[in-house]
Amino acid sequence: MTLGNELLFQCGPVREFGVNGCQIEDVLTVLIDRLEAFQGGQYPSREGSIALMKMQEALMWLNRRTADRKERGV
């Protein structure tokens, strides 16, 4: 049995090509959810907590970038 997942990233602007893949924000959201589950489990760690915080921060900045682009009509 082969296990795995395939990520297909958005190719081209959504306005022009429609949604045809995931965004970086989507991947970060999944990773944050997964790490939160690990941190809530039997072996939470300082390193996991820091990694979680940094991913949440990255998601915040990317969301801010998206909001700015929408505001500018880009």
C-alpha atoms as a PDB file:
ATOM      1  CA  MET A   1       0.000   0.000   0.000  1.00  0.00           C
ATOM      2  CA  THR A   2       1.320   3.429  -0.886  1.00  0.00           C
ATOM      3  CA  LEU A   3       0.408   6.226   1.457  1.00  0.00           C
ATOM      4  CA  GLY A   4       0.761   9.880   0.692  1.00  0.00           C
ATOM      5  CA  ASN A   5      -0.851  13.048  -0.397  1.00  0.00           C
ATOM      6  CA  GLU A   6      -0.365  15.159  -3.440  1.00  0.00           C
ATOM      7  CA  LEU A   7      -0.483  18.933  -3.251  1.00  0.00           C
ATOM      8  CA  LEU A   8      -1.583  20.813  -6.310  1.00  0.00           C
ATOM      9  CA  PHE A   9      -0.823  24.494  -5.973  1.00  0.00           C
ATOM     10  CA  GLN A  10      -2.787  27.269  -7.650  1.00  0.00           C
ATOM     11  CA  CYS A  11      -1.447  27.883 -11.125  1.00  0.00           C
ATOM     12  CA  GLY A  12      -2.047  31.422 -12.345  1.00  0.00           C
ATOM     13  CA  PRO A  13      -4.341  34.132 -11.042  1.00  0.00           C
ATOM     14  CA  VAL A  14      -7.711  32.917  -9.743  1.00  0.00           C
ATOM     15  CA  ARG A  15      -9.475  35.697 -11.675  1.00  0.00           C
ATOM     16  CA  GLU A  16      -8.006  34.405 -14.905  1.00  0.00           C
ATOM     17  CA  PHE A  17      -7.813  30.627 -14.350  1.00  0.00           C
ATOM     18  CA  GLY A  18     -10.300  29.984 -11.555  1.00  0.00           C
ATOM     19  CA  VAL A  19      -9.363  27.959  -8.508  1.00  0.00           C
ATOM     20  CA  ASN A  20      -7.211  25.083  -9.748  1.00  0.00           C
ATOM     21  CA  GLY A  21      -5.128  24.316  -6.685  1.00  0.00           C
ATOM     22  CA  CYS A  22      -4.362  25.229  -3.120  1.00  0.00           C
ATOM     23  CA  GLN A  23      -2.727  28.351  -1.785  1.00  0.00           C
ATOM     24  CA  ILE A  24       0.165  28.495   0.674  1.00  0.00           C
ATOM     25  CA  GLU A  25      -2.345  29.680   3.280  1.00  0.00           C
ATOM     26  CA  ASP A  26      -4.321  26.462   2.821  1.00  0.00           C
ATOM     27  CA  VAL A  27      -1.254  24.334   3.473  1.00  0.00           C
ATOM     28  CA  LEU A  28      -0.289  26.352   6.540  1.00  0.00           C
ATOM     29  CA  THR A  29      -3.824  25.966   7.920  1.00  0.00           C
ATOM     30  CA  VAL A  30      -3.583  22.175   7.616  1.00  0.00           C
ATOM     31  CA  LEU A  31      -0.110  22.110   9.184  1.00  0.00           C
ATOM     32  CA  ILE A  32      -1.224  24.348  12.053  1.00  0.00           C
ATOM     33  CA  ASP A  33      -4.185  22.061  12.732  1.00  0.00           C
ATOM     34  CA  ARG A  34      -1.951  18.997  12.730  1.00  0.00           C
ATOM     35  CA  LEU A  35       0.673  20.520  15.008  1.00  0.00           C
ATOM     36  CA  GLU A  36      -2.023  21.771  17.405  1.00  0.00           C
ATOM     37  CA  ALA A  37      -3.213  18.168  17.665  1.00  0.00           C
ATOM     38  CA  PHE A  38       0.332  16.984  18.405  1.00  0.00           C
ATOM     39  CA  GLN A  39       0.821  19.727  20.981  1.00  0.00           C
ATOM     40  CA  GLY A  40      -2.446  18.748  22.649  1.00  0.00           C
ATOM     41  CA  GLY A  41      -1.359  15.126  22.851  1.00  0.00           C
ATOM     42  CA  GLN A  42       0.902  13.140  25.099  1.00  0.00           C
ATOM     43  CA  TYR A  43       4.215  14.754  24.124  1.00  0.00           C
ATOM     44  CA  PRO A  44       3.912  18.525  23.688  1.00  0.00           C
ATOM     45  CA  SER A  45       7.220  20.336  23.381  1.00  0.00           C
ATOM     46  CA  ARG A  46       8.677  23.809  23.524  1.00  0.00           C
ATOM     47  CA  GLU A  47       9.979  23.372  19.982  1.00  0.00           C
ATOM     48  CA  GLY A  48       6.539  22.352  18.740  1.00  0.00           C
ATOM     49  CA  SER A  49       5.021  25.359  20.465  1.00  0.00           C
ATOM     50  CA  ILE A  50       7.509  27.718  18.824  1.00  0.00           C
ATOM     51  CA  ALA A  51       6.999  26.101  15.407  1.00  0.00           C
ATOM     52  CA  LEU A  52       3.227  26.446  15.842  1.00  0.00           C
ATOM     53  CA  MET A  53       3.554  30.110  16.771  1.00  0.00           C
ATOM     54  CA  LYS A  54       5.765  30.820  13.749  1.00  0.00           C
ATOM     55  CA  MET A  55       3.354  29.073  11.360  1.00  0.00           C
ATOM     56  CA  GLN A  56       0.474  31.089  12.829  1.00  0.00           C
ATOM     57  CA  GLU A  57       2.527  34.244  12.357  1.00  0.00           C
ATOM     58  CA  ALA A  58       3.332  33.311   8.758  1.00  0.00           C
ATOM     59  CA  LEU A  59      -0.366  32.723   8.086  1.00  0.00           C
ATOM     60  CA  MET A  60      -1.212  36.109   9.611  1.00  0.00           C
ATOM     61  CA  TRP A  61       1.281  37.891   7.340  1.00  0.00           C
ATOM     62  CA  LEU A  62       0.086  36.066   4.234  1.00  0.00           C
ATOM     63  CA  ASN A  63      -3.529  36.912   5.078  1.00  0.00           C
ATOM     64  CA  ARG A  64      -2.519  40.539   5.553  1.00  0.00           C
ATOM     65  CA  ARG A  65      -0.799  40.443   2.146  1.00  0.00           C
ATOM     66  CA  THR A  66      -3.964  39.045   0.558  1.00  0.00           C
ATOM     67  CA  ALA A  67      -6.125  41.730   2.187  1.00  0.00           C
ATOM     68  CA  ASP A  68      -3.739  44.432   0.954  1.00  0.00           C
ATOM     69  CA  ARG A  69      -3.798  43.039  -2.591  1.00  0.00           C
ATOM     70  CA  LYS A  70      -7.608  42.905  -2.588  1.00  0.00           C
ATOM     71  CA  GLU A  71      -7.754  46.482  -1.342  1.00  0.00           C
ATOM     72  CA  ARG A  72      -5.457  47.579  -4.185  1.00  0.00           C
ATOM     73  CA  GLY A  73      -7.346  45.508  -6.749  1.00  0.00           C
ATOM     74  CA  VAL A  74      -4.329  43.361  -7.616  1.00  0.00           C
END
